[in-house]
Protein backbone atom coordinates (compact mmCIF):
# COMPACT_ATOMS: atom_id res chain seq x y z
CA UNK A 1 -15.70 -1.86 -4.12
CA UNK A 2 -12.96 0.82 -4.70
CA UNK A 3 -9.99 -0.01 -7.29
CA UNK A 4 -6.63 1.33 -7.69
CA UNK A 5 -3.02 0.98 -7.68
CA UNK A 6 0.18 1.11 -5.60
CA UNK A 7 3.84 1.49 -6.45
CA UNK A 8 7.26 1.54 -4.28
CA UNK A 9 8.82 3.27 -7.13
CA UNK A 10 10.80 0.31 -7.94
CA UNK A 11 14.50 0.63 -9.69
CA UNK A 12 15.15 -2.60 -11.41
CA UNK A 13 16.46 -3.10 -14.79
CA UNK A 14 13.99 -3.36 -17.57
CA UNK A 15 14.88 -6.07 -20.13
CA UNK A 16 17.96 -5.14 -21.52
CA UNK A 17 17.79 -1.64 -20.33
CA UNK A 18 19.56 -0.38 -17.02
CA UNK A 19 17.52 0.26 -14.07
CA UNK A 20 16.00 4.09 -14.26
CA UNK A 21 17.29 6.70 -12.17
CA UNK A 22 15.28 7.57 -9.02
CA UNK A 23 14.42 10.97 -10.40
CA UNK A 24 13.38 9.18 -13.80
CA UNK A 25 11.37 6.68 -12.13
CA UNK A 26 9.60 9.37 -9.78
CA UNK A 27 8.53 11.34 -12.53
CA UNK A 28 7.02 8.16 -14.25
CA UNK A 29 5.19 7.59 -10.76
CA UNK A 30 3.60 10.94 -11.00
CA UNK A 31 2.14 10.13 -14.50
CA UNK A 32 1.06 6.99 -13.85
CA UNK A 33 -0.89 8.13 -11.14
CA UNK A 34 -2.37 10.91 -13.39
CA UNK A 35 -3.39 8.23 -15.68
CA UNK A 36 -5.03 6.30 -12.76
CA UNK A 37 -7.10 9.31 -12.15
CA UNK A 38 -8.13 9.75 -15.79
CA UNK A 39 -9.04 6.20 -15.91
CA UNK A 40 -11.75 6.89 -13.27
CA UNK A 41 -10.12 4.54 -10.48
CA UNK A 42 -10.62 5.25 -6.75
CA UNK A 43 -7.23 5.18 -5.21
CA UNK A 44 -3.42 5.47 -5.95
CA UNK A 45 -1.03 4.55 -3.10
CA UNK A 46 3.07 5.21 -2.82
CA UNK A 47 5.16 2.91 -0.37
CA UNK A 48 7.79 4.10 1.89
CA UNK A 49 11.21 2.46 1.68
CA UNK A 50 14.95 3.36 2.22
CA UNK A 51 16.69 1.17 -0.17
CA UNK A 52 18.51 1.87 -3.45
CA UNK A 53 16.07 -0.42 -4.95
CA UNK A 54 12.95 1.76 -4.28
CA UNK A 55 12.94 5.33 -5.08
CA UNK A 56 9.97 6.73 -2.81
CA UNK A 57 11.41 7.25 0.72
CA UNK A 58 8.87 10.20 1.24
CA UNK A 59 5.52 9.09 0.28
CA UNK A 60 3.92 12.48 1.37
CA UNK A 61 6.13 14.42 -0.99
CA UNK A 62 5.37 12.25 -4.04
CA UNK A 63 1.66 12.20 -3.46
CA UNK A 64 1.71 15.88 -2.99
CA UNK A 65 3.14 16.24 -6.49
CA UNK A 66 0.20 13.71 -7.82
CA UNK A 67 -2.26 15.82 -5.89
CA UNK A 68 -1.36 19.00 -7.99
CA UNK A 69 -2.06 17.07 -11.28
CA UNK A 70 -5.19 15.09 -10.16
CA UNK A 71 -8.81 15.74 -9.30
CA UNK A 72 -10.57 12.72 -7.75
CA UNK A 73 -8.59 9.87 -6.77
CA UNK A 74 -7.74 9.11 -3.15
CA UNK A 75 -4.08 9.42 -2.35
CA UNK A 76 -2.59 7.29 0.51
CA UNK A 77 0.70 5.82 1.58
CA UNK A 78 1.33 2.26 1.25
CA UNK A 79 2.53 2.04 3.78
CA UNK A 80 4.22 4.77 6.17
CA UNK A 81 6.71 3.18 8.26
CA UNK A 82 5.23 4.55 11.43
CA UNK A 83 7.74 2.56 13.66
CA UNK A 84 10.56 4.49 12.53
CA UNK A 85 9.02 7.98 12.12
CA UNK A 86 7.65 10.73 14.45
CA UNK A 87 3.89 10.79 14.54
CA UNK A 88 3.89 14.50 14.84
CA UNK A 89 5.59 14.80 11.57
CA UNK A 90 3.61 12.39 9.92
CA UNK A 91 0.43 13.78 10.93
CA UNK A 92 1.57 17.24 9.51
CA UNK A 93 2.70 15.71 6.20
CA UNK A 94 -0.50 14.12 5.45
CA UNK A 95 -2.74 17.00 7.06
CA UNK A 96 -0.64 19.16 4.43
CA UNK A 97 -1.31 16.49 1.78
CA UNK A 98 -5.09 16.43 2.56
CA UNK A 99 -5.20 20.36 2.31
CA UNK A 100 -3.35 20.45 -1.26
CA UNK A 101 -5.60 17.78 -2.19
CA UNK A 102 -8.84 19.17 -1.16
CA UNK A 103 -9.66 16.06 1.34
CA UNK A 104 -8.29 13.12 -0.62
CA UNK A 105 -5.27 12.24 1.72
CA UNK A 106 -5.24 8.81 3.72
CA UNK A 107 -2.58 7.19 5.70
CA UNK A 108 -1.81 3.63 5.90
CA UNK A 109 0.44 3.06 8.86
CA UNK A 110 2.60 -0.33 9.07
CA UNK A 111 5.71 -1.56 10.67
CA UNK A 112 7.41 -2.35 7.17
CA UNK A 113 8.60 -5.36 5.62
CA UNK A 114 12.01 -3.87 5.39
CA UNK A 115 14.15 -2.74 8.28
CA UNK A 116 16.50 -0.14 6.74
CA UNK A 117 14.89 2.63 8.49
CA UNK A 118 15.62 1.54 12.11
CA UNK A 119 19.40 1.80 12.02
CA UNK A 120 19.17 4.82 9.77
CA UNK A 121 17.09 6.94 12.21
CA UNK A 122 18.80 5.75 15.13
CA UNK A 123 16.41 3.09 16.34
CA UNK A 124 16.97 -0.51 17.78
CA UNK A 125 15.08 -3.44 16.08
CA UNK A 126 14.52 -5.10 19.34
CA UNK A 127 11.95 -2.33 20.00
CA UNK A 128 10.10 -3.25 16.69
CA UNK A 129 6.52 -3.98 18.11
CA UNK A 130 6.81 -1.41 20.93
CA UNK A 131 7.74 1.20 18.69
CA UNK A 132 4.73 0.86 16.30
CA UNK A 133 2.34 0.45 19.31
CA UNK A 134 3.34 3.68 20.96
CA UNK A 135 3.57 5.62 17.90
CA UNK A 136 0.42 4.58 16.65
CA UNK A 137 -1.23 5.61 19.84
CA UNK A 138 0.23 9.03 19.61
CA UNK A 139 -0.62 9.44 16.08
CA UNK A 140 -4.52 8.59 16.85
CA UNK A 141 -4.39 11.21 19.44
CA UNK A 142 -3.14 13.89 17.61
CA UNK A 143 -5.90 13.36 14.78
CA UNK A 144 -8.59 13.96 17.47
CA UNK A 145 -9.59 17.71 17.29
CA UNK A 146 -8.27 18.77 20.95
CA UNK A 147 -5.14 19.35 22.44
CA UNK A 148 -2.91 16.48 23.22
CA UNK A 149 -1.15 15.61 26.53
CA UNK A 150 0.75 12.38 26.37
CA UNK A 151 4.04 10.85 27.28
CA UNK A 152 5.88 7.62 26.05
CA UNK A 153 9.12 6.04 25.88
CA UNK A 154 10.55 6.93 22.54
CA UNK A 155 9.85 10.52 22.39
CA UNK A 156 9.50 13.70 24.44
CA UNK A 157 5.83 14.34 25.78
CA UNK A 158 3.24 16.61 24.61
CA UNK A 159 1.22 19.04 27.02
CA UNK A 160 -1.71 20.60 25.79
CA UNK A 161 -0.11 20.67 22.31
CA UNK A 162 -2.26 20.93 19.27
CA UNK A 163 -0.48 19.89 15.98
CA UNK A 164 -0.91 21.96 12.74
CA UNK A 165 -2.29 21.89 10.26
CA UNK A 166 -5.60 20.36 10.91
CA UNK A 167 -7.44 18.62 8.37
CA UNK A 168 -10.88 20.20 7.25
CA UNK A 169 -14.32 18.76 7.88
CA UNK A 170 -12.85 15.08 8.75
CA UNK A 171 -10.30 13.33 10.81
CA UNK A 172 -7.30 12.17 8.87
CA UNK A 173 -8.20 8.37 7.47
CA UNK A 174 -5.97 6.17 9.36
CA UNK A 175 -5.64 2.69 7.92
CA UNK A 176 -3.80 -0.26 9.72
CA UNK A 177 -1.67 -2.56 6.85
CA UNK A 178 -0.72 -5.94 7.92
CA UNK A 179 1.02 -8.77 6.22
CA UNK A 180 -0.78 -11.46 8.18
CA UNK A 181 -0.11 -11.14 11.87
CA UNK A 182 -3.32 -11.87 13.71
CA UNK A 183 -2.02 -9.65 16.59
CA UNK A 184 -1.99 -6.66 13.89
CA UNK A 185 -5.44 -7.64 12.82
CA UNK A 186 -6.72 -7.48 16.20
CA UNK A 187 -5.09 -4.19 17.15
CA UNK A 188 -6.83 -2.76 14.02
CA UNK A 189 -10.26 -4.14 15.06
CA UNK A 190 -10.05 -3.22 18.62
CA UNK A 191 -9.17 0.40 17.56
CA UNK A 192 -11.83 0.76 15.03
CA UNK A 193 -9.62 1.29 12.17
CA UNK A 194 -9.93 0.13 8.73
CA UNK A 195 -7.66 -2.63 7.54
CA UNK A 196 -5.31 -3.27 4.55
CA UNK A 197 -3.84 -6.73 3.87
CA UNK A 198 -0.87 -7.36 1.71
CA UNK A 199 -1.39 -10.73 0.07
CA UNK A 200 2.00 -11.38 -2.14
CA UNK A 201 2.16 -15.33 -1.80
CA UNK A 202 0.13 -18.32 -1.32
CA UNK A 203 -3.79 -18.44 -1.62
CA UNK A 204 -5.88 -15.35 -0.85
CA UNK A 205 -8.75 -17.43 0.45
CA UNK A 206 -6.45 -18.22 3.35
CA UNK A 207 -6.78 -14.92 4.66
CA UNK A 208 -10.32 -15.28 5.26
CA UNK A 209 -9.97 -16.40 9.20
CA UNK A 210 -8.00 -13.29 9.62
CA UNK A 211 -10.82 -11.11 8.20
CA UNK A 212 -13.29 -13.00 10.33
CA UNK A 213 -11.03 -12.39 13.40
CA UNK A 214 -10.92 -8.44 12.52
CA UNK A 215 -14.74 -8.39 12.34
CA UNK A 216 -14.68 -9.99 15.76
CA UNK A 217 -12.34 -7.44 17.26
CA UNK A 218 -14.33 -4.58 15.76
CA UNK A 219 -17.54 -5.90 17.61
CA UNK A 220 -15.53 -6.49 20.67
CA UNK A 221 -14.15 -2.95 20.61
CA UNK A 222 -17.66 -1.68 20.01
CA UNK A 223 -17.15 -0.28 16.63
CA UNK A 224 -19.25 -0.17 13.57
CA UNK A 225 -18.10 -2.12 10.35
CA UNK A 226 -14.92 -0.76 8.73
CA UNK A 227 -13.39 -1.16 5.06
CA UNK A 228 -11.27 -3.99 4.15
CA UNK A 229 -8.73 -3.80 1.46
CA UNK A 230 -6.11 -6.13 -0.13
CA UNK A 231 -3.02 -5.18 -1.72
CA UNK A 232 -1.79 -7.58 -4.31
CA UNK A 233 0.74 -8.12 -7.24
CA UNK A 234 -0.40 -8.08 -10.43
CA UNK A 235 -0.37 -6.77 -14.10
CA UNK A 236 -2.88 -6.67 -16.97
CA UNK A 237 -2.20 -6.73 -20.72
CA UNK A 238 -4.48 -7.32 -23.82
CA UNK A 239 -4.31 -11.18 -23.46
CA UNK A 240 -3.05 -13.66 -20.87
CA UNK A 241 -0.38 -14.67 -23.07
CA UNK A 242 0.83 -11.22 -23.44
CA UNK A 243 0.61 -10.37 -19.68
CA UNK A 244 2.67 -13.54 -18.90
CA UNK A 245 5.57 -12.57 -21.58
CA UNK A 246 5.61 -8.82 -20.04
CA UNK A 247 5.39 -9.73 -16.41
CA UNK A 248 7.12 -12.91 -15.86
CA UNK A 249 10.95 -11.76 -16.13
CA UNK A 250 10.55 -8.51 -14.26
CA UNK A 251 8.83 -10.09 -11.31
CA UNK A 252 11.12 -13.04 -11.13
CA UNK A 253 14.04 -10.56 -11.05
CA UNK A 254 12.65 -8.59 -8.32
CA UNK A 255 11.36 -11.42 -6.18
CA UNK A 256 14.84 -13.23 -6.54
CA UNK A 257 16.71 -10.30 -5.35
CA UNK A 258 14.43 -9.73 -2.34
CA UNK A 259 14.79 -13.63 -1.74
CA UNK A 260 18.35 -13.66 -1.65
CA UNK A 261 18.16 -11.42 1.35
CA UNK A 262 15.61 -13.27 3.02
CA UNK A 263 16.78 -16.98 2.36
CA UNK A 264 14.23 -17.76 -0.20
CA UNK A 265 15.19 -19.57 -3.50
CA UNK A 266 15.08 -18.04 -6.79
CA UNK A 267 11.79 -17.36 -8.45
CA UNK A 268 10.93 -20.14 -10.96
CA UNK A 269 8.33 -20.37 -13.96
CA UNK A 270 6.61 -23.17 -12.21
CA UNK A 271 6.26 -20.93 -8.99
CA UNK A 272 5.07 -17.95 -11.13
CA UNK A 273 2.40 -20.22 -12.66
CA UNK A 274 0.99 -21.68 -9.69
CA UNK A 275 0.68 -17.98 -8.33
CA UNK A 276 -1.04 -16.95 -11.33
CA UNK A 277 -3.35 -19.65 -11.26
CA UNK A 278 -6.97 -19.12 -10.21
CA UNK A 279 -6.35 -19.70 -6.48
CA UNK A 280 -2.85 -18.06 -6.28
CA UNK A 281 -1.99 -14.42 -5.12
CA UNK A 282 -0.61 -13.19 -8.67
CA UNK A 283 -3.46 -11.22 -10.69
CA UNK A 284 -1.69 -11.50 -14.16
CA UNK A 285 -3.47 -11.68 -17.19
CA UNK A 286 -6.16 -10.54 -19.63
CA UNK A 287 -8.65 -8.34 -18.40
CA UNK A 288 -11.51 -10.80 -17.99
CA UNK A 289 -9.06 -13.14 -16.17
CA UNK A 290 -8.13 -10.37 -13.83
CA UNK A 291 -11.49 -9.20 -13.45
CA UNK A 292 -12.60 -12.74 -12.30
CA UNK A 293 -9.91 -13.15 -9.92
CA UNK A 294 -10.62 -9.71 -8.34
CA UNK A 295 -14.24 -10.58 -7.83
CA UNK A 296 -13.35 -13.96 -6.29
CA UNK A 297 -11.21 -12.36 -3.82
CA UNK A 298 -13.85 -9.61 -3.21
CA UNK A 299 -16.65 -12.07 -2.47
CA UNK A 300 -14.12 -14.56 -0.36
CA UNK A 301 -12.83 -11.92 1.88
CA UNK A 302 -15.70 -9.29 1.84
CA UNK A 303 -13.54 -6.67 0.26
CA UNK A 304 -14.12 -2.84 0.01
CA UNK A 305 -11.04 -1.91 -1.92
CA UNK A 306 -8.77 -3.64 -4.34
CA UNK A 307 -5.26 -2.07 -5.06
CA UNK A 308 -3.03 -3.82 -7.74
CA UNK A 309 0.62 -3.65 -7.40
CA UNK A 310 2.10 -3.52 -10.78
CA UNK A 311 5.66 -2.52 -10.60
CA UNK A 312 6.86 -5.09 -8.41
CA UNK A 313 9.88 -5.45 -11.01
CA UNK A 314 10.41 -2.32 -13.07
CA UNK A 315 8.05 -2.53 -16.35
CA UNK A 316 8.28 -0.34 -19.27
CA UNK A 317 6.43 3.00 -18.28
CA UNK A 318 4.08 2.70 -21.54
CA UNK A 319 3.15 -0.91 -20.19
CA UNK A 320 2.31 0.08 -17.08
CA UNK A 321 0.07 3.22 -18.56
CA UNK A 322 -1.71 0.53 -20.82
CA UNK A 323 -2.32 -1.79 -17.55
CA UNK A 324 -3.99 1.24 -15.97
CA UNK A 325 -6.12 2.00 -19.24
CA UNK A 326 -7.28 -1.56 -18.95
CA UNK A 327 -7.89 -1.63 -15.20
CA UNK A 328 -10.28 1.15 -15.71
CA UNK A 329 -11.82 0.72 -18.95
CA UNK A 330 -12.31 -3.28 -18.82
CA UNK A 331 -11.61 -4.56 -15.20
CA UNK A 332 -13.33 -2.10 -13.16
CA UNK A 333 -16.74 -2.42 -14.83
CA UNK A 334 -16.93 -6.06 -14.16
CA UNK A 335 -15.89 -5.68 -10.28
CA UNK A 336 -17.31 -2.29 -9.11
């Protein structure tokens, strides 16, 4: 199983320190990705957001900076908000990244968990689903190695157009990222695309029916088996106690900020402890505890990739680096 990390380049206060600037945080992200590569892990992902509490609005640019300083690690968006972008430009950005990284680029396409990009780019939220479906179809046409003739509702048509640059030796890998919608899972399966599931609450085992649905959709679409990945919140320290002490306050702050926007109550310690339990969705603890939880979800869902999202709340940079070191040196050998 592949193992790696994702980040949104979060910008929350760190203890009694103010939130870092966007520039500072982005430089930390590059350093953290370099550490992930050196730790022998498989993948590093950067999310796309358009808000003041996240620094990464352009994953391809951040990943290009990472590509220049890494050698082996796969570089993916996590996710690209395809609904509010132009598929032509998205393809060009990631084909360029693929060239710069010697064939290590991937694209995870999703509808996004926040909506700020829609008014920012002059789009109507009432078109949320239709935008994604149409733009995904165009993106998949573009990545085929032949000229594209296409017309749709939300963009000017293309007639016998080849989009450059092209990727070398393979089509650009495109994953579908979902948050639990059966319709999205079925779409990924019918299209024969790899599936990435964001699990940020509840019990991971409850996603087993969705994975089974995905495999049935793959078969119905006449496709071979495709990879399944999970993105989940978590943090590793030397001991369970240290991990909880480091992670709870930043995590509770970030989730409470987001919760106020969505009508949730503030994050409490009992909620955190329940999420961190063996059956919960938080992968927080010492290396052995986190490895056991990852192995459980790997076996339950039949995973090919697990991506740990550590920077839910902004942790001190040195603690994130130590978390990466432990993931590579002590967790990966137990779950690989």
